[in-house]
Amino acid sequence: MTFQINTASRTPIYQQLTAQIRSAIARGELSAEEQLPSVRQLSNELVVNPNTIARAYTELEREGILTTRQGLGVFVAPPRRELMKKVRDARVQEHLNRLLTEAVHLGYSADEVVAMVKRTLEEFQWPK
């Protein structure tokens, strides 16, 4: 997995990195138990401060997306199924509301949005 940052972006580097890791996991490019590059290795590759990488990893670990194994490194955590359905639904609904609000403001019809979602669904790896 190759990570990329855009130094011209207004989005902080650690947020760019966390978004890429989340997306890679959702798309099946990174799988559960897969090891990520060390903080030092990734900071050298991206030419950024190691604290930036550590901040991204720490945020994802707090969310339960990554896990650190002492002396071994950082790994993709197994999927979290313990979140109550109500909490999971609320999180997804919040994102859907933002997405649909943006689509309305950009002039998309409901049919266009549904078609776009259907095309995009195929790009993701869904649990069985």
N, C-alpha and C. Protein backbone atom coordinates (compact mmCIF):
# COMPACT_ATOMS: atom_id res chain seq x y z
N MET A 1 0.85 -1.18 0.00
CA MET A 1 0.00 0.00 0.00
C MET A 1 0.88 1.23 0.00
N THR A 2 0.64 2.11 -0.94
CA THR A 2 1.40 3.35 -1.04
C THR A 2 0.51 4.50 -0.59
N PHE A 3 1.01 5.27 0.35
CA PHE A 3 0.28 6.43 0.84
C PHE A 3 0.83 7.67 0.17
N GLN A 4 -0.05 8.65 -0.05
CA GLN A 4 0.35 9.90 -0.68
C GLN A 4 -0.23 11.05 0.12
N ILE A 5 0.54 12.13 0.19
CA ILE A 5 0.04 13.32 0.86
C ILE A 5 0.10 14.49 -0.11
N ASN A 6 -0.76 15.45 0.12
CA ASN A 6 -0.80 16.65 -0.70
C ASN A 6 -0.49 17.82 0.22
N THR A 7 0.71 18.35 0.11
CA THR A 7 1.12 19.43 0.99
C THR A 7 0.40 20.74 0.67
N ALA A 8 -0.20 20.84 -0.51
CA ALA A 8 -0.94 22.04 -0.89
C ALA A 8 -2.38 22.01 -0.36
N SER A 9 -2.81 20.86 0.14
CA SER A 9 -4.18 20.72 0.63
C SER A 9 -4.36 21.44 1.96
N ARG A 10 -5.57 21.89 2.19
CA ARG A 10 -5.90 22.51 3.49
C ARG A 10 -6.13 21.45 4.56
N THR A 11 -6.32 20.20 4.13
CA THR A 11 -6.53 19.10 5.06
C THR A 11 -5.20 18.74 5.70
N PRO A 12 -5.14 18.70 7.02
CA PRO A 12 -3.88 18.34 7.69
C PRO A 12 -3.38 16.97 7.22
N ILE A 13 -2.07 16.82 7.20
CA ILE A 13 -1.45 15.59 6.70
C ILE A 13 -1.94 14.36 7.47
N TYR A 14 -2.05 14.47 8.79
CA TYR A 14 -2.48 13.29 9.55
C TYR A 14 -3.90 12.88 9.17
N GLN A 15 -4.77 13.85 8.83
CA GLN A 15 -6.13 13.52 8.41
C GLN A 15 -6.14 12.91 7.00
N GLN A 16 -5.25 13.37 6.13
CA GLN A 16 -5.13 12.76 4.81
C GLN A 16 -4.75 11.29 4.96
N LEU A 17 -3.81 11.04 5.84
CA LEU A 17 -3.33 9.67 6.07
C LEU A 17 -4.42 8.79 6.69
N THR A 18 -5.13 9.31 7.70
CA THR A 18 -6.18 8.50 8.32
C THR A 18 -7.28 8.18 7.31
N ALA A 19 -7.62 9.13 6.46
CA ALA A 19 -8.65 8.89 5.44
C ALA A 19 -8.20 7.81 4.46
N GLN A 20 -6.93 7.83 4.07
CA GLN A 20 -6.41 6.83 3.13
C GLN A 20 -6.41 5.44 3.76
N ILE A 21 -6.06 5.36 5.03
CA ILE A 21 -6.04 4.06 5.71
C ILE A 21 -7.47 3.52 5.85
N ARG A 22 -8.40 4.38 6.28
CA ARG A 22 -9.80 3.94 6.39
C ARG A 22 -10.32 3.43 5.04
N SER A 23 -10.04 4.18 3.98
CA SER A 23 -10.51 3.80 2.65
C SER A 23 -9.87 2.48 2.20
N ALA A 24 -8.57 2.32 2.44
CA ALA A 24 -7.88 1.10 2.03
C ALA A 24 -8.46 -0.13 2.74
N ILE A 25 -8.83 0.03 3.99
CA ILE A 25 -9.43 -1.08 4.74
C ILE A 25 -10.82 -1.38 4.17
N ALA A 26 -11.61 -0.33 3.94
CA ALA A 26 -12.97 -0.52 3.43
C ALA A 26 -12.97 -1.15 2.04
N ARG A 27 -11.97 -0.85 1.25
CA ARG A 27 -11.89 -1.37 -0.11
C ARG A 27 -11.19 -2.72 -0.18
N GLY A 28 -10.69 -3.20 0.95
CA GLY A 28 -10.03 -4.50 0.97
C GLY A 28 -8.57 -4.45 0.54
N GLU A 29 -8.02 -3.24 0.41
CA GLU A 29 -6.61 -3.11 0.05
C GLU A 29 -5.71 -3.39 1.25
N LEU A 30 -6.24 -3.19 2.43
CA LEU A 30 -5.59 -3.57 3.68
C LEU A 30 -6.56 -4.49 4.40
N SER A 31 -6.06 -5.60 4.89
CA SER A 31 -6.96 -6.55 5.55
C SER A 31 -6.63 -6.66 7.04
N ALA A 32 -7.56 -7.23 7.78
CA ALA A 32 -7.38 -7.42 9.22
C ALA A 32 -6.08 -8.16 9.49
N GLU A 33 -5.39 -7.72 10.49
CA GLU A 33 -4.12 -8.30 10.94
C GLU A 33 -2.93 -7.92 10.05
N GLU A 34 -3.16 -7.15 9.00
CA GLU A 34 -2.04 -6.74 8.13
C GLU A 34 -1.23 -5.64 8.82
N GLN A 35 0.07 -5.75 8.72
CA GLN A 35 0.95 -4.79 9.36
C GLN A 35 1.14 -3.55 8.50
N LEU A 36 1.12 -2.39 9.15
CA LEU A 36 1.38 -1.13 8.47
C LEU A 36 2.86 -0.77 8.64
N PRO A 37 3.35 0.14 7.82
CA PRO A 37 4.74 0.57 7.97
C PRO A 37 4.94 1.20 9.35
N SER A 38 6.15 1.11 9.86
CA SER A 38 6.45 1.74 11.14
C SER A 38 6.36 3.25 10.99
N VAL A 39 6.23 3.93 12.12
CA VAL A 39 6.16 5.39 12.11
C VAL A 39 7.40 5.96 11.42
N ARG A 40 8.54 5.47 11.78
CA ARG A 40 9.80 5.97 11.19
C ARG A 40 9.85 5.71 9.69
N GLN A 41 9.51 4.50 9.29
CA GLN A 41 9.55 4.14 7.87
C GLN A 41 8.61 5.02 7.05
N LEU A 42 7.38 5.18 7.52
CA LEU A 42 6.40 5.97 6.76
C LEU A 42 6.76 7.45 6.77
N SER A 43 7.28 7.94 7.87
CA SER A 43 7.68 9.36 7.90
C SER A 43 8.83 9.62 6.94
N ASN A 44 9.73 8.65 6.79
CA ASN A 44 10.82 8.79 5.81
C ASN A 44 10.30 8.74 4.38
N GLU A 45 9.36 7.82 4.12
CA GLU A 45 8.79 7.70 2.77
C GLU A 45 8.03 8.95 2.35
N LEU A 46 7.25 9.50 3.28
CA LEU A 46 6.42 10.66 2.97
C LEU A 46 7.12 12.00 3.23
N VAL A 47 8.28 11.92 3.84
CA VAL A 47 9.08 13.10 4.21
C VAL A 47 8.23 14.05 5.08
N VAL A 48 7.73 13.49 6.16
CA VAL A 48 6.97 14.27 7.14
C VAL A 48 7.48 13.93 8.54
N ASN A 49 7.13 14.76 9.48
CA ASN A 49 7.54 14.56 10.87
C ASN A 49 6.95 13.25 11.40
N PRO A 50 7.74 12.44 12.09
CA PRO A 50 7.23 11.19 12.66
C PRO A 50 6.03 11.40 13.58
N ASN A 51 5.96 12.56 14.25
CA ASN A 51 4.82 12.84 15.12
C ASN A 51 3.51 12.89 14.34
N THR A 52 3.57 13.30 13.09
CA THR A 52 2.38 13.35 12.24
C THR A 52 1.86 11.95 11.99
N ILE A 53 2.76 11.02 11.69
CA ILE A 53 2.37 9.62 11.45
C ILE A 53 1.85 9.02 12.75
N ALA A 54 2.54 9.28 13.84
CA ALA A 54 2.12 8.75 15.14
C ALA A 54 0.73 9.27 15.51
N ARG A 55 0.45 10.53 15.19
CA ARG A 55 -0.86 11.10 15.49
C ARG A 55 -1.95 10.38 14.69
N ALA A 56 -1.69 10.12 13.42
CA ALA A 56 -2.67 9.41 12.57
C ALA A 56 -2.90 8.01 13.12
N TYR A 57 -1.84 7.29 13.42
CA TYR A 57 -1.96 5.93 13.95
C TYR A 57 -2.71 5.93 15.29
N THR A 58 -2.40 6.89 16.15
CA THR A 58 -3.04 6.97 17.47
C THR A 58 -4.53 7.23 17.32
N GLU A 59 -4.91 8.13 16.42
CA GLU A 59 -6.32 8.42 16.21
C GLU A 59 -7.07 7.17 15.73
N LEU A 60 -6.47 6.46 14.79
CA LEU A 60 -7.10 5.25 14.26
C LEU A 60 -7.13 4.13 15.31
N GLU A 61 -6.15 4.11 16.18
CA GLU A 61 -6.15 3.11 17.25
C GLU A 61 -7.25 3.43 18.26
N ARG A 62 -7.45 4.70 18.58
CA ARG A 62 -8.53 5.09 19.49
C ARG A 62 -9.89 4.70 18.94
N GLU A 63 -10.02 4.74 17.61
CA GLU A 63 -11.28 4.38 16.96
C GLU A 63 -11.43 2.87 16.80
N GLY A 64 -10.38 2.11 17.14
CA GLY A 64 -10.45 0.67 17.03
C GLY A 64 -10.15 0.14 15.63
N ILE A 65 -9.63 0.99 14.77
CA ILE A 65 -9.32 0.60 13.39
C ILE A 65 -7.94 -0.04 13.31
N LEU A 66 -7.02 0.45 14.11
CA LEU A 66 -5.66 -0.12 14.17
C LEU A 66 -5.40 -0.61 15.58
N THR A 67 -4.40 -1.46 15.70
CA THR A 67 -3.97 -1.93 17.01
C THR A 67 -2.45 -1.99 17.02
N THR A 68 -1.86 -1.62 18.14
CA THR A 68 -0.41 -1.67 18.29
C THR A 68 -0.05 -2.88 19.13
N ARG A 69 0.92 -3.64 18.64
CA ARG A 69 1.44 -4.79 19.39
C ARG A 69 2.85 -4.45 19.81
N GLN A 70 3.04 -4.40 21.11
CA GLN A 70 4.32 -4.00 21.67
C GLN A 70 5.46 -4.79 21.06
N GLY A 71 6.42 -4.09 20.50
CA GLY A 71 7.60 -4.71 19.92
C GLY A 71 7.40 -5.27 18.52
N LEU A 72 6.16 -5.29 18.03
CA LEU A 72 5.88 -5.86 16.71
C LEU A 72 5.46 -4.82 15.69
N GLY A 73 4.71 -3.80 16.13
CA GLY A 73 4.30 -2.76 15.20
C GLY A 73 2.81 -2.47 15.25
N VAL A 74 2.35 -1.83 14.19
CA VAL A 74 0.96 -1.40 14.08
C VAL A 74 0.27 -2.29 13.04
N PHE A 75 -0.93 -2.77 13.40
CA PHE A 75 -1.67 -3.70 12.55
C PHE A 75 -3.11 -3.23 12.37
N VAL A 76 -3.73 -3.67 11.28
CA VAL A 76 -5.15 -3.42 11.08
C VAL A 76 -5.91 -4.30 12.07
N ALA A 77 -6.80 -3.68 12.82
CA ALA A 77 -7.57 -4.41 13.82
C ALA A 77 -8.69 -5.21 13.13
N PRO A 78 -9.08 -6.31 13.74
CA PRO A 78 -10.24 -7.04 13.20
C PRO A 78 -11.47 -6.13 13.24
N PRO A 79 -12.45 -6.35 12.35
CA PRO A 79 -13.64 -5.50 12.34
C PRO A 79 -14.35 -5.49 13.68
N ARG A 80 -14.86 -4.33 14.06
CA ARG A 80 -15.56 -4.18 15.33
C ARG A 80 -17.03 -4.48 15.14
N ARG A 81 -17.46 -5.54 15.71
CA ARG A 81 -18.87 -5.90 15.61
C ARG A 81 -19.62 -5.59 16.92
N GLU A 82 -18.85 -5.15 17.93
CA GLU A 82 -19.47 -4.95 19.23
C GLU A 82 -20.26 -3.65 19.35
N LEU A 83 -20.09 -2.74 18.38
CA LEU A 83 -20.87 -1.51 18.44
C LEU A 83 -22.35 -1.85 18.30
N MET A 84 -23.14 -1.28 19.14
CA MET A 84 -24.57 -1.53 19.07
C MET A 84 -25.12 -1.02 17.74
N LYS A 85 -26.10 -1.71 17.22
CA LYS A 85 -26.70 -1.34 15.94
C LYS A 85 -27.15 0.11 15.93
N LYS A 86 -27.73 0.57 17.02
CA LYS A 86 -28.22 1.95 17.10
C LYS A 86 -27.08 2.95 16.90
N VAL A 87 -25.95 2.69 17.50
CA VAL A 87 -24.79 3.58 17.38
C VAL A 87 -24.24 3.52 15.96
N ARG A 88 -24.13 2.32 15.41
CA ARG A 88 -23.64 2.17 14.03
C ARG A 88 -24.56 2.88 13.06
N ASP A 89 -25.87 2.70 13.23
CA ASP A 89 -26.84 3.35 12.36
C ASP A 89 -26.70 4.87 12.43
N ALA A 90 -26.54 5.40 13.63
CA ALA A 90 -26.42 6.86 13.80
C ALA A 90 -25.19 7.40 13.10
N ARG A 91 -24.08 6.68 13.18
CA ARG A 91 -22.84 7.14 12.53
C ARG A 91 -22.99 7.17 11.02
N VAL A 92 -23.57 6.11 10.45
CA VAL A 92 -23.74 6.06 9.00
C VAL A 92 -24.78 7.09 8.56
N GLN A 93 -25.85 7.24 9.31
CA GLN A 93 -26.90 8.21 8.96
C GLN A 93 -26.35 9.63 8.91
N GLU A 94 -25.46 9.96 9.85
CA GLU A 94 -24.85 11.29 9.87
C GLU A 94 -24.08 11.55 8.57
N HIS A 95 -23.33 10.56 8.13
CA HIS A 95 -22.57 10.70 6.88
C HIS A 95 -23.50 10.76 5.67
N LEU A 96 -24.54 9.95 5.68
CA LEU A 96 -25.50 9.97 4.58
C LEU A 96 -26.17 11.34 4.46
N ASN A 97 -26.54 11.91 5.59
CA ASN A 97 -27.17 13.23 5.57
C ASN A 97 -26.25 14.28 4.95
N ARG A 98 -24.98 14.24 5.31
CA ARG A 98 -24.01 15.20 4.72
C ARG A 98 -23.87 14.98 3.22
N LEU A 99 -23.75 13.70 2.82
CA LEU A 99 -23.61 13.36 1.41
C LEU A 99 -24.82 13.83 0.61
N LEU A 100 -26.01 13.52 1.09
CA LEU A 100 -27.22 13.88 0.35
C LEU A 100 -27.45 15.39 0.32
N THR A 101 -27.11 16.06 1.38
CA THR A 101 -27.20 17.53 1.38
C THR A 101 -26.30 18.11 0.31
N GLU A 102 -25.08 17.61 0.23
CA GLU A 102 -24.13 18.08 -0.79
C GLU A 102 -24.65 17.77 -2.19
N ALA A 103 -25.20 16.57 -2.39
CA ALA A 103 -25.72 16.18 -3.70
C ALA A 103 -26.87 17.09 -4.14
N VAL A 104 -27.76 17.43 -3.21
CA VAL A 104 -28.87 18.33 -3.52
C VAL A 104 -28.33 19.70 -3.95
N HIS A 105 -27.35 20.21 -3.20
CA HIS A 105 -26.79 21.53 -3.52
C HIS A 105 -26.02 21.53 -4.84
N LEU A 106 -25.52 20.38 -5.25
CA LEU A 106 -24.81 20.29 -6.52
C LEU A 106 -25.75 20.01 -7.69
N GLY A 107 -27.03 19.83 -7.38
CA GLY A 107 -28.02 19.67 -8.44
C GLY A 107 -28.26 18.25 -8.93
N TYR A 108 -27.83 17.26 -8.17
CA TYR A 108 -28.08 15.86 -8.56
C TYR A 108 -29.52 15.49 -8.29
N SER A 109 -30.07 14.61 -9.12
CA SER A 109 -31.39 14.05 -8.84
C SER A 109 -31.20 12.82 -7.94
N ALA A 110 -32.30 12.38 -7.33
CA ALA A 110 -32.23 11.19 -6.47
C ALA A 110 -31.78 9.97 -7.29
N ASP A 111 -32.28 9.85 -8.52
CA ASP A 111 -31.90 8.71 -9.37
C ASP A 111 -30.41 8.73 -9.69
N GLU A 112 -29.86 9.90 -9.93
CA GLU A 112 -28.43 10.01 -10.23
C GLU A 112 -27.59 9.59 -9.02
N VAL A 113 -28.03 9.99 -7.85
CA VAL A 113 -27.29 9.64 -6.63
C VAL A 113 -27.36 8.13 -6.40
N VAL A 114 -28.54 7.54 -6.56
CA VAL A 114 -28.69 6.10 -6.38
C VAL A 114 -27.81 5.34 -7.36
N ALA A 115 -27.77 5.77 -8.62
CA ALA A 115 -26.93 5.11 -9.62
C ALA A 115 -25.46 5.21 -9.25
N MET A 116 -25.05 6.37 -8.77
CA MET A 116 -23.65 6.57 -8.37
C MET A 116 -23.30 5.69 -7.18
N VAL A 117 -24.21 5.59 -6.23
CA VAL A 117 -23.97 4.74 -5.05
C VAL A 117 -23.85 3.28 -5.48
N LYS A 118 -24.72 2.83 -6.36
CA LYS A 118 -24.68 1.44 -6.82
C LYS A 118 -23.35 1.13 -7.51
N ARG A 119 -22.86 2.06 -8.34
CA ARG A 119 -21.56 1.84 -9.00
C ARG A 119 -20.43 1.78 -7.98
N THR A 120 -20.49 2.65 -6.99
CA THR A 120 -19.43 2.72 -5.99
C THR A 120 -19.45 1.53 -5.04
N LEU A 121 -20.63 0.99 -4.76
CA LEU A 121 -20.74 -0.17 -3.86
C LEU A 121 -19.86 -1.33 -4.31
N GLU A 122 -19.70 -1.48 -5.60
CA GLU A 122 -18.93 -2.59 -6.14
C GLU A 122 -17.43 -2.47 -5.85
N GLU A 123 -16.97 -1.28 -5.49
CA GLU A 123 -15.55 -1.05 -5.23
C GLU A 123 -15.14 -1.45 -3.82
N PHE A 124 -16.11 -1.73 -2.98
CA PHE A 124 -15.82 -2.00 -1.58
C PHE A 124 -15.96 -3.47 -1.25
N GLN A 125 -15.23 -3.88 -0.22
CA GLN A 125 -15.27 -5.25 0.26
C GLN A 125 -16.21 -5.29 1.45
N TRP A 126 -17.29 -6.03 1.33
CA TRP A 126 -18.31 -6.08 2.38
C TRP A 126 -18.17 -7.35 3.20
N PRO A 127 -18.38 -7.27 4.52
CA PRO A 127 -18.31 -8.48 5.35
C PRO A 127 -19.40 -9.46 4.96
N LYS A 128 -19.09 -10.73 5.14
CA LYS A 128 -20.05 -11.78 4.77
C LYS A 128 -20.76 -12.32 5.96
